[in-house]
Structures are given as C-alpha cells and as structure tokens.
Amino acid sequence: MFCQGNQSAETVLMLQEAFKEEALSRTQVYEWYSHFKGGEMSCEDQPRSGRPLTCRNDENLDKVCNAINADHHRTNDEIFEITSLS
C-alpha cells in the first residue's frame, strides 16, 4: 500500500479512494507513516506507562478473594489494608 516516493498526504488520498468510508483517518495514516518512516517495522503495541500487568496475578487474586470470602461486608479500603495491595 505504501509505495516508494509517496508522501503521507498522497497515501491518505489513495486509502480514501480505495476504502471509501472504511479508510483510516488522516491522523491514523500520518501516525503509521511516521512510525514506519522512522524505521519501526513492528505493528505490535509499544509498552505504555501505568500499572504493570504483573500486579494482577494468581497470588494477588487469591489474597483478595480470601479477604472477601472471610467477610463480605468489608469495604475496598479494608480489603486493600488486609492484602497490602493498592
């Protein structure tokens, strides 16, 4: 789809002509264009800031479930205090 020598604006027009209403937005095309132009060849998501996926694991789930099962009337704050999770 991306031919050598095409600028991102030309690519947007080609995509709109080929895919009509289902074409990527101009913003998405420009992002992908700069992504690949910069040498990145992966289509995978890049790591993002925020809570790591490792915070949700079987051990932590068991702690929370046990705290809830011991007393269904506990508040979230009480469960967080008991399990030492934030």
PDB file of N, CA and C in Angstrom:
ATOM      1  N   MET A   1       0.825  -1.190   0.000  1.00  0.00           N
ATOM      2  CA  MET A   1       0.000   0.000   0.000  1.00  0.00           C
ATOM      3  C   MET A   1       0.868   1.252   0.000  1.00  0.00           C
ATOM      4  N   PHE A   2       1.988   1.240   0.765  1.00  0.00           N
ATOM      5  CA  PHE A   2       2.861   2.399   0.813  1.00  0.00           C
ATOM      6  C   PHE A   2       3.926   2.239  -0.262  1.00  0.00           C
ATOM      7  N   CYS A   3       3.830   2.997  -1.316  1.00  0.00           N
ATOM      8  CA  CYS A   3       4.778   2.932  -2.422  1.00  0.00           C
ATOM      9  C   CYS A   3       5.906   3.909  -2.171  1.00  0.00           C
ATOM     10  N   GLN A   4       7.090   3.563  -2.664  1.00  0.00           N
ATOM     11  CA  GLN A   4       8.219   4.468  -2.507  1.00  0.00           C
ATOM     12  C   GLN A   4       7.916   5.794  -3.180  1.00  0.00           C
ATOM     13  N   GLY A   5       8.318   6.873  -2.526  1.00  0.00           N
ATOM     14  CA  GLY A   5       8.142   8.188  -3.113  1.00  0.00           C
ATOM     15  C   GLY A   5       6.822   8.849  -2.756  1.00  0.00           C
ATOM     16  N   ASN A   6       5.850   8.086  -2.265  1.00  0.00           N
ATOM     17  CA  ASN A   6       4.566   8.694  -1.882  1.00  0.00           C
ATOM     18  C   ASN A   6       4.711   9.433  -0.569  1.00  0.00           C
ATOM     19  N   GLN A   7       4.126  10.576  -0.494  1.00  0.00           N
ATOM     20  CA  GLN A   7       4.064  11.316   0.749  1.00  0.00           C
ATOM     21  C   GLN A   7       2.834  10.859   1.512  1.00  0.00           C
ATOM     22  N   SER A   8       2.790  11.153   2.789  1.00  0.00           N
ATOM     23  CA  SER A   8       1.671  10.700   3.610  1.00  0.00           C
ATOM     24  C   SER A   8       0.344  11.270   3.125  1.00  0.00           C
ATOM     25  N   ALA A   9       0.333  12.490   2.626  1.00  0.00           N
ATOM     26  CA  ALA A   9      -0.915  13.081   2.123  1.00  0.00           C
ATOM     27  C   ALA A   9      -1.429  12.323   0.910  1.00  0.00           C
ATOM     28  N   GLU A  10      -0.508  11.906   0.036  1.00  0.00           N
ATOM     29  CA  GLU A  10      -0.911  11.118  -1.131  1.00  0.00           C
ATOM     30  C   GLU A  10      -1.433   9.756  -0.701  1.00  0.00           C
ATOM     31  N   THR A  11      -0.828   9.201   0.340  1.00  0.00           N
ATOM     32  CA  THR A  11      -1.253   7.907   0.864  1.00  0.00           C
ATOM     33  C   THR A  11      -2.671   7.999   1.415  1.00  0.00           C
ATOM     34  N   VAL A  12      -2.971   9.101   2.112  1.00  0.00           N
ATOM     35  CA  VAL A  12      -4.325   9.309   2.632  1.00  0.00           C
ATOM     36  C   VAL A  12      -5.336   9.284   1.487  1.00  0.00           C
ATOM     37  N   LEU A  13      -5.029  10.003   0.415  1.00  0.00           N
ATOM     38  CA  LEU A  13      -5.935  10.045  -0.736  1.00  0.00           C
ATOM     39  C   LEU A  13      -6.111   8.675  -1.373  1.00  0.00           C
ATOM     40  N   MET A  14      -5.015   7.920  -1.494  1.00  0.00           N
ATOM     41  CA  MET A  14      -5.096   6.578  -2.074  1.00  0.00           C
ATOM     42  C   MET A  14      -5.974   5.665  -1.215  1.00  0.00           C
ATOM     43  N   LEU A  15      -5.798   5.740   0.096  1.00  0.00           N
ATOM     44  CA  LEU A  15      -6.595   4.913   1.002  1.00  0.00           C
ATOM     45  C   LEU A  15      -8.070   5.299   0.952  1.00  0.00           C
ATOM     46  N   GLN A  16      -8.351   6.604   0.919  1.00  0.00           N
ATOM     47  CA  GLN A  16      -9.741   7.064   0.848  1.00  0.00           C
ATOM     48  C   GLN A  16     -10.400   6.625  -0.450  1.00  0.00           C
ATOM     49  N   GLU A  17      -9.644   6.653  -1.530  1.00  0.00           N
ATOM     50  CA  GLU A  17     -10.184   6.225  -2.821  1.00  0.00           C
ATOM     51  C   GLU A  17     -10.448   4.722  -2.828  1.00  0.00           C
ATOM     52  N   ALA A  18      -9.545   3.955  -2.231  1.00  0.00           N
ATOM     53  CA  ALA A  18      -9.668   2.503  -2.249  1.00  0.00           C
ATOM     54  C   ALA A  18     -10.716   1.985  -1.253  1.00  0.00           C
ATOM     55  N   PHE A  19     -10.765   2.582  -0.054  1.00  0.00           N
ATOM     56  CA  PHE A  19     -11.603   2.031   1.012  1.00  0.00           C
ATOM     57  C   PHE A  19     -12.803   2.891   1.383  1.00  0.00           C
ATOM     58  N   LYS A  20     -12.963   4.023   0.741  1.00  0.00           N
ATOM     59  CA  LYS A  20     -14.107   4.928   0.973  1.00  0.00           C
ATOM     60  C   LYS A  20     -14.274   5.236   2.458  1.00  0.00           C
ATOM     61  N   GLU A  21     -15.460   4.968   3.003  1.00  0.00           N
ATOM     62  CA  GLU A  21     -15.767   5.317   4.398  1.00  0.00           C
ATOM     63  C   GLU A  21     -14.975   4.484   5.403  1.00  0.00           C
ATOM     64  N   GLU A  22     -14.458   3.345   4.983  1.00  0.00           N
ATOM     65  CA  GLU A  22     -13.759   2.458   5.909  1.00  0.00           C
ATOM     66  C   GLU A  22     -12.258   2.727   5.948  1.00  0.00           C
ATOM     67  N   ALA A  23     -11.804   3.763   5.273  1.00  0.00           N
ATOM     68  CA  ALA A  23     -10.372   4.100   5.254  1.00  0.00           C
ATOM     69  C   ALA A  23      -9.936   4.626   6.618  1.00  0.00           C
ATOM     70  N   LEU A  24      -8.668   4.467   6.900  1.00  0.00           N
ATOM     71  CA  LEU A  24      -8.112   5.033   8.116  1.00  0.00           C
ATOM     72  C   LEU A  24      -8.269   6.551   8.088  1.00  0.00           C
ATOM     73  N   SER A  25      -8.350   7.145   9.256  1.00  0.00           N
ATOM     74  CA  SER A  25      -8.430   8.603   9.320  1.00  0.00           C
ATOM     75  C   SER A  25      -7.079   9.205   8.935  1.00  0.00           C
ATOM     76  N   ARG A  26      -7.100  10.475   8.598  1.00  0.00           N
ATOM     77  CA  ARG A  26      -5.863  11.171   8.228  1.00  0.00           C
ATOM     78  C   ARG A  26      -4.849  11.076   9.369  1.00  0.00           C
ATOM     79  N   THR A  27      -5.310  11.260  10.599  1.00  0.00           N
ATOM     80  CA  THR A  27      -4.413  11.201  11.755  1.00  0.00           C
ATOM     81  C   THR A  27      -3.764   9.833  11.872  1.00  0.00           C
ATOM     82  N   GLN A  28      -4.561   8.783  11.718  1.00  0.00           N
ATOM     83  CA  GLN A  28      -4.017   7.431  11.819  1.00  0.00           C
ATOM     84  C   GLN A  28      -2.990   7.166  10.731  1.00  0.00           C
ATOM     85  N   VAL A  29      -3.273   7.621   9.517  1.00  0.00           N
ATOM     86  CA  VAL A  29      -2.325   7.426   8.418  1.00  0.00           C
ATOM     87  C   VAL A  29      -1.025   8.150   8.712  1.00  0.00           C
ATOM     88  N   TYR A  30      -1.093   9.389   9.190  1.00  0.00           N
ATOM     89  CA  TYR A  30       0.122  10.144   9.493  1.00  0.00           C
ATOM     90  C   TYR A  30       0.922   9.471  10.607  1.00  0.00           C
ATOM     91  N   GLU A  31       0.232   8.932  11.611  1.00  0.00           N
ATOM     92  CA  GLU A  31       0.936   8.242  12.695  1.00  0.00           C
ATOM     93  C   GLU A  31       1.656   7.004  12.173  1.00  0.00           C
ATOM     94  N   TRP A  32       0.954   6.187  11.380  1.00  0.00           N
ATOM     95  CA  TRP A  32       1.573   4.983  10.818  1.00  0.00           C
ATOM     96  C   TRP A  32       2.704   5.353   9.874  1.00  0.00           C
ATOM     97  N   TYR A  33       2.509   6.380   9.079  1.00  0.00           N
ATOM     98  CA  TYR A  33       3.526   6.810   8.125  1.00  0.00           C
ATOM     99  C   TYR A  33       4.811   7.185   8.862  1.00  0.00           C
ATOM    100  N   SER A  34       4.700   7.995   9.916  1.00  0.00           N
ATOM    101  CA  SER A  34       5.888   8.402  10.662  1.00  0.00           C
ATOM    102  C   SER A  34       6.494   7.221  11.408  1.00  0.00           C
ATOM    103  N   HIS A  35       5.648   6.317  11.859  1.00  0.00           N
ATOM    104  CA  HIS A  35       6.092   5.110  12.564  1.00  0.00           C
ATOM    105  C   HIS A  35       7.026   4.299  11.656  1.00  0.00           C
ATOM    106  N   PHE A  36       6.584   3.999  10.443  1.00  0.00           N
ATOM    107  CA  PHE A  36       7.375   3.193   9.525  1.00  0.00           C
ATOM    108  C   PHE A  36       8.533   3.981   8.919  1.00  0.00           C
ATOM    109  N   LYS A  37       8.335   5.263   8.684  1.00  0.00           N
ATOM    110  CA  LYS A  37       9.403   6.093   8.127  1.00  0.00           C
ATOM    111  C   LYS A  37      10.573   6.174   9.101  1.00  0.00           C
ATOM    112  N   GLY A  38      10.267   6.124  10.394  1.00  0.00           N
ATOM    113  CA  GLY A  38      11.299   6.165  11.420  1.00  0.00           C
ATOM    114  C   GLY A  38      12.042   4.850  11.582  1.00  0.00           C
ATOM    115  N   GLY A  39      11.695   3.842  10.796  1.00  0.00           N
ATOM    116  CA  GLY A  39      12.413   2.577  10.831  1.00  0.00           C
ATOM    117  C   GLY A  39      11.751   1.491  11.650  1.00  0.00           C
ATOM    118  N   GLU A  40      10.688   1.806  12.333  1.00  0.00           N
ATOM    119  CA  GLU A  40       9.981   0.801  13.128  1.00  0.00           C
ATOM    120  C   GLU A  40       9.190  -0.092  12.192  1.00  0.00           C
ATOM    121  N   MET A  41       9.408  -1.395  12.269  1.00  0.00           N
ATOM    122  CA  MET A  41       8.735  -2.311  11.363  1.00  0.00           C
ATOM    123  C   MET A  41       7.695  -3.188  12.057  1.00  0.00           C
ATOM    124  N   SER A  42       7.570  -3.030  13.351  1.00  0.00           N
ATOM    125  CA  SER A  42       6.619  -3.841  14.105  1.00  0.00           C
ATOM    126  C   SER A  42       5.261  -3.159  14.168  1.00  0.00           C
ATOM    127  N   CYS A  43       4.215  -3.945  14.067  1.00  0.00           N
ATOM    128  CA  CYS A  43       2.850  -3.428  14.216  1.00  0.00           C
ATOM    129  C   CYS A  43       2.337  -3.637  15.641  1.00  0.00           C
ATOM    130  N   GLU A  44       3.168  -4.221  16.491  1.00  0.00           N
ATOM    131  CA  GLU A  44       2.773  -4.501  17.868  1.00  0.00           C
ATOM    132  C   GLU A  44       2.706  -3.216  18.678  1.00  0.00           C
ATOM    133  N   ASP A  45       1.851  -3.208  19.694  1.00  0.00           N
ATOM    134  CA  ASP A  45       1.760  -2.070  20.597  1.00  0.00           C
ATOM    135  C   ASP A  45       3.062  -1.927  21.374  1.00  0.00           C
ATOM    136  N   GLN A  46       3.450  -0.699  21.619  1.00  0.00           N
ATOM    137  CA  GLN A  46       4.628  -0.418  22.409  1.00  0.00           C
ATOM    138  C   GLN A  46       4.232  -0.370  23.881  1.00  0.00           C
ATOM    139  N   PRO A  47       5.176  -0.664  24.780  1.00  0.00           N
ATOM    140  CA  PRO A  47       4.862  -0.585  26.211  1.00  0.00           C
ATOM    141  C   PRO A  47       4.387   0.812  26.583  1.00  0.00           C
ATOM    142  N   ARG A  48       3.461   0.882  27.510  1.00  0.00           N
ATOM    143  CA  ARG A  48       2.912   2.166  27.950  1.00  0.00           C
ATOM    144  C   ARG A  48       3.180   2.354  29.431  1.00  0.00           C
ATOM    145  N   SER A  49       3.167   3.595  29.843  1.00  0.00           N
ATOM    146  CA  SER A  49       3.330   3.860  31.258  1.00  0.00           C
ATOM    147  C   SER A  49       2.043   3.490  31.975  1.00  0.00           C
ATOM    148  N   GLY A  50       2.137   3.307  33.260  1.00  0.00           N
ATOM    149  CA  GLY A  50       0.959   2.944  34.029  1.00  0.00           C
ATOM    150  C   GLY A  50       1.210   1.685  34.831  1.00  0.00           C
ATOM    151  N   ARG A  51       0.157   1.090  35.300  1.00  0.00           N
ATOM    152  CA  ARG A  51       0.258  -0.078  36.145  1.00  0.00           C
ATOM    153  C   ARG A  51       0.770  -1.269  35.333  1.00  0.00           C
ATOM    154  N   PRO A  52       1.792  -1.947  35.827  1.00  0.00           N
ATOM    155  CA  PRO A  52       2.304  -3.114  35.100  1.00  0.00           C
ATOM    156  C   PRO A  52       1.321  -4.269  35.157  1.00  0.00           C
ATOM    157  N   LEU A  53       1.340  -5.092  34.143  1.00  0.00           N
ATOM    158  CA  LEU A  53       0.427  -6.229  34.089  1.00  0.00           C
ATOM    159  C   LEU A  53       0.708  -7.248  35.173  1.00  0.00           C
ATOM    160  N   THR A  54       1.912  -7.237  35.720  1.00  0.00           N
ATOM    161  CA  THR A  54       2.284  -8.223  36.724  1.00  0.00           C
ATOM    162  C   THR A  54       1.576  -8.006  38.048  1.00  0.00           C
ATOM    163  N   CYS A  55       0.914  -6.868  38.250  1.00  0.00           N
ATOM    164  CA  CYS A  55       0.241  -6.635  39.529  1.00  0.00           C
ATOM    165  C   CYS A  55      -1.010  -7.506  39.652  1.00  0.00           C
ATOM    166  N   ARG A  56      -1.526  -7.990  38.519  1.00  0.00           N
ATOM    167  CA  ARG A  56      -2.683  -8.877  38.566  1.00  0.00           C
ATOM    168  C   ARG A  56      -2.196 -10.291  38.291  1.00  0.00           C
ATOM    169  N   ASN A  57      -2.044 -11.036  39.377  1.00  0.00           N
ATOM    170  CA  ASN A  57      -1.581 -12.412  39.251  1.00  0.00           C
ATOM    171  C   ASN A  57      -2.394 -13.303  40.180  1.00  0.00           C
ATOM    172  N   ASP A  58      -2.186 -14.581  40.080  1.00  0.00           N
ATOM    173  CA  ASP A  58      -2.978 -15.530  40.866  1.00  0.00           C
ATOM    174  C   ASP A  58      -2.823 -15.313  42.368  1.00  0.00           C
ATOM    175  N   GLU A  59      -1.623 -14.991  42.803  1.00  0.00           N
ATOM    176  CA  GLU A  59      -1.387 -14.779  44.229  1.00  0.00           C
ATOM    177  C   GLU A  59      -2.203 -13.590  44.746  1.00  0.00           C
ATOM    178  N   ASN A  60      -2.178 -12.485  44.030  1.00  0.00           N
ATOM    179  CA  ASN A  60      -2.934 -11.300  44.447  1.00  0.00           C
ATOM    180  C   ASN A  60      -4.436 -11.550  44.378  1.00  0.00           C
ATOM    181  N   LEU A  61      -4.882 -12.270  43.341  1.00  0.00           N
ATOM    182  CA  LEU A  61      -6.312 -12.591  43.237  1.00  0.00           C
ATOM    183  C   LEU A  61      -6.754 -13.465  44.396  1.00  0.00           C
ATOM    184  N   ASP A  62      -5.920 -14.425  44.783  1.00  0.00           N
ATOM    185  CA  ASP A  62      -6.256 -15.291  45.922  1.00  0.00           C
ATOM    186  C   ASP A  62      -6.357 -14.484  47.212  1.00  0.00           C
ATOM    187  N   LYS A  63      -5.426 -13.534  47.414  1.00  0.00           N
ATOM    188  CA  LYS A  63      -5.468 -12.693  48.615  1.00  0.00           C
ATOM    189  C   LYS A  63      -6.792 -11.932  48.701  1.00  0.00           C
ATOM    190  N   VAL A  64      -7.180 -11.325  47.589  1.00  0.00           N
ATOM    191  CA  VAL A  64      -8.403 -10.525  47.576  1.00  0.00           C
ATOM    192  C   VAL A  64      -9.625 -11.426  47.769  1.00  0.00           C
ATOM    193  N   CYS A  65      -9.676 -12.544  47.071  1.00  0.00           N
ATOM    194  CA  CYS A  65     -10.822 -13.460  47.201  1.00  0.00           C
ATOM    195  C   CYS A  65     -10.955 -13.973  48.626  1.00  0.00           C
ATOM    196  N   ASN A  66      -9.833 -14.331  49.250  1.00  0.00           N
ATOM    197  CA  ASN A  66      -9.871 -14.822  50.632  1.00  0.00           C
ATOM    198  C   ASN A  66     -10.366 -13.747  51.588  1.00  0.00           C
ATOM    199  N   ALA A  67      -9.922 -12.509  51.380  1.00  0.00           N
ATOM    200  CA  ALA A  67     -10.360 -11.403  52.240  1.00  0.00           C
ATOM    201  C   ALA A  67     -11.856 -11.158  52.071  1.00  0.00           C
ATOM    202  N   ILE A  68     -12.351 -11.247  50.860  1.00  0.00           N
ATOM    203  CA  ILE A  68     -13.780 -11.032  50.604  1.00  0.00           C
ATOM    204  C   ILE A  68     -14.600 -12.175  51.180  1.00  0.00           C
ATOM    205  N   ASN A  69     -14.131 -13.401  50.966  1.00  0.00           N
ATOM    206  CA  ASN A  69     -14.871 -14.564  51.463  1.00  0.00           C
ATOM    207  C   ASN A  69     -14.901 -14.626  52.985  1.00  0.00           C
ATOM    208  N   ALA A  70     -13.894 -14.102  53.652  1.00  0.00           N
ATOM    209  CA  ALA A  70     -13.861 -14.103  55.110  1.00  0.00           C
ATOM    210  C   ALA A  70     -14.935 -13.186  55.682  1.00  0.00           C
ATOM    211  N   ASP A  71     -15.217 -12.074  55.000  1.00  0.00           N
ATOM    212  CA  ASP A  71     -16.249 -11.149  55.464  1.00  0.00           C
ATOM    213  C   ASP A  71     -16.733 -10.337  54.266  1.00  0.00           C
ATOM    214  N   HIS A  72     -17.935 -10.637  53.798  1.00  0.00           N
ATOM    215  CA  HIS A  72     -18.497  -9.983  52.610  1.00  0.00           C
ATOM    216  C   HIS A  72     -18.849  -8.510  52.834  1.00  0.00           C
ATOM    217  N   HIS A  73     -18.796  -8.069  54.082  1.00  0.00           N
ATOM    218  CA  HIS A  73     -19.174  -6.688  54.385  1.00  0.00           C
ATOM    219  C   HIS A  73     -17.977  -5.748  54.442  1.00  0.00           C
ATOM    220  N   ARG A  74     -16.792  -6.238  54.139  1.00  0.00           N
ATOM    221  CA  ARG A  74     -15.599  -5.393  54.162  1.00  0.00           C
ATOM    222  C   ARG A  74     -15.647  -4.394  53.016  1.00  0.00           C
ATOM    223  N   THR A  75     -15.097  -3.221  53.290  1.00  0.00           N
ATOM    224  CA  THR A  75     -15.004  -2.194  52.244  1.00  0.00           C
ATOM    225  C   THR A  75     -13.740  -2.431  51.424  1.00  0.00           C
ATOM    226  N   ASN A  76     -13.643  -1.746  50.302  1.00  0.00           N
ATOM    227  CA  ASN A  76     -12.438  -1.848  49.477  1.00  0.00           C
ATOM    228  C   ASN A  76     -11.210  -1.439  50.267  1.00  0.00           C
ATOM    229  N   ASP A  77     -11.308  -0.367  51.026  1.00  0.00           N
ATOM    230  CA  ASP A  77     -10.170   0.094  51.820  1.00  0.00           C
ATOM    231  C   ASP A  77      -9.716  -0.970  52.810  1.00  0.00           C
ATOM    232  N   GLU A  78     -10.658  -1.639  53.444  1.00  0.00           N
ATOM    233  CA  GLU A  78     -10.307  -2.704  54.394  1.00  0.00           C
ATOM    234  C   GLU A  78      -9.621  -3.868  53.680  1.00  0.00           C
ATOM    235  N   ILE A  79     -10.114  -4.211  52.507  1.00  0.00           N
ATOM    236  CA  ILE A  79      -9.508  -5.310  51.741  1.00  0.00           C
ATOM    237  C   ILE A  79      -8.098  -4.930  51.308  1.00  0.00           C
ATOM    238  N   PHE A  80      -7.904  -3.691  50.858  1.00  0.00           N
ATOM    239  CA  PHE A  80      -6.575  -3.251  50.450  1.00  0.00           C
ATOM    240  C   PHE A  80      -5.609  -3.270  51.632  1.00  0.00           C
ATOM    241  N   GLU A  81      -6.114  -2.888  52.817  1.00  0.00           N
ATOM    242  CA  GLU A  81      -5.266  -2.880  54.016  1.00  0.00           C
ATOM    243  C   GLU A  81      -4.890  -4.296  54.414  1.00  0.00           C
ATOM    244  N   ILE A  82      -5.839  -5.216  54.371  1.00  0.00           N
ATOM    245  CA  ILE A  82      -5.587  -6.607  54.755  1.00  0.00           C
ATOM    246  C   ILE A  82      -4.617  -7.275  53.785  1.00  0.00           C
ATOM    247  N   THR A  83      -4.783  -7.030  52.498  1.00  0.00           N
ATOM    248  CA  THR A  83      -3.978  -7.720  51.482  1.00  0.00           C
ATOM    249  C   THR A  83      -2.671  -7.009  51.175  1.00  0.00           C
ATOM    250  N   SER A  84      -2.489  -5.812  51.683  1.00  0.00           N
ATOM    251  CA  SER A  84      -1.303  -4.982  51.391  1.00  0.00           C
ATOM    252  C   SER A  84      -1.172  -4.659  49.915  1.00  0.00           C
ATOM    253  N   LEU A  85      -2.304  -4.578  49.228  1.00  0.00           N
ATOM    254  CA  LEU A  85      -2.321  -4.191  47.816  1.00  0.00           C
ATOM    255  C   LEU A  85      -2.887  -2.790  47.704  1.00  0.00           C
ATOM    256  N   SER A  86      -2.486  -2.082  46.683  1.00  0.00           N
ATOM    257  CA  SER A  86      -3.027  -0.739  46.490  1.00  0.00           C
ATOM    258  C   SER A  86      -3.921  -0.686  45.292  1.00  0.00           C
TER     259      SER A  86
END
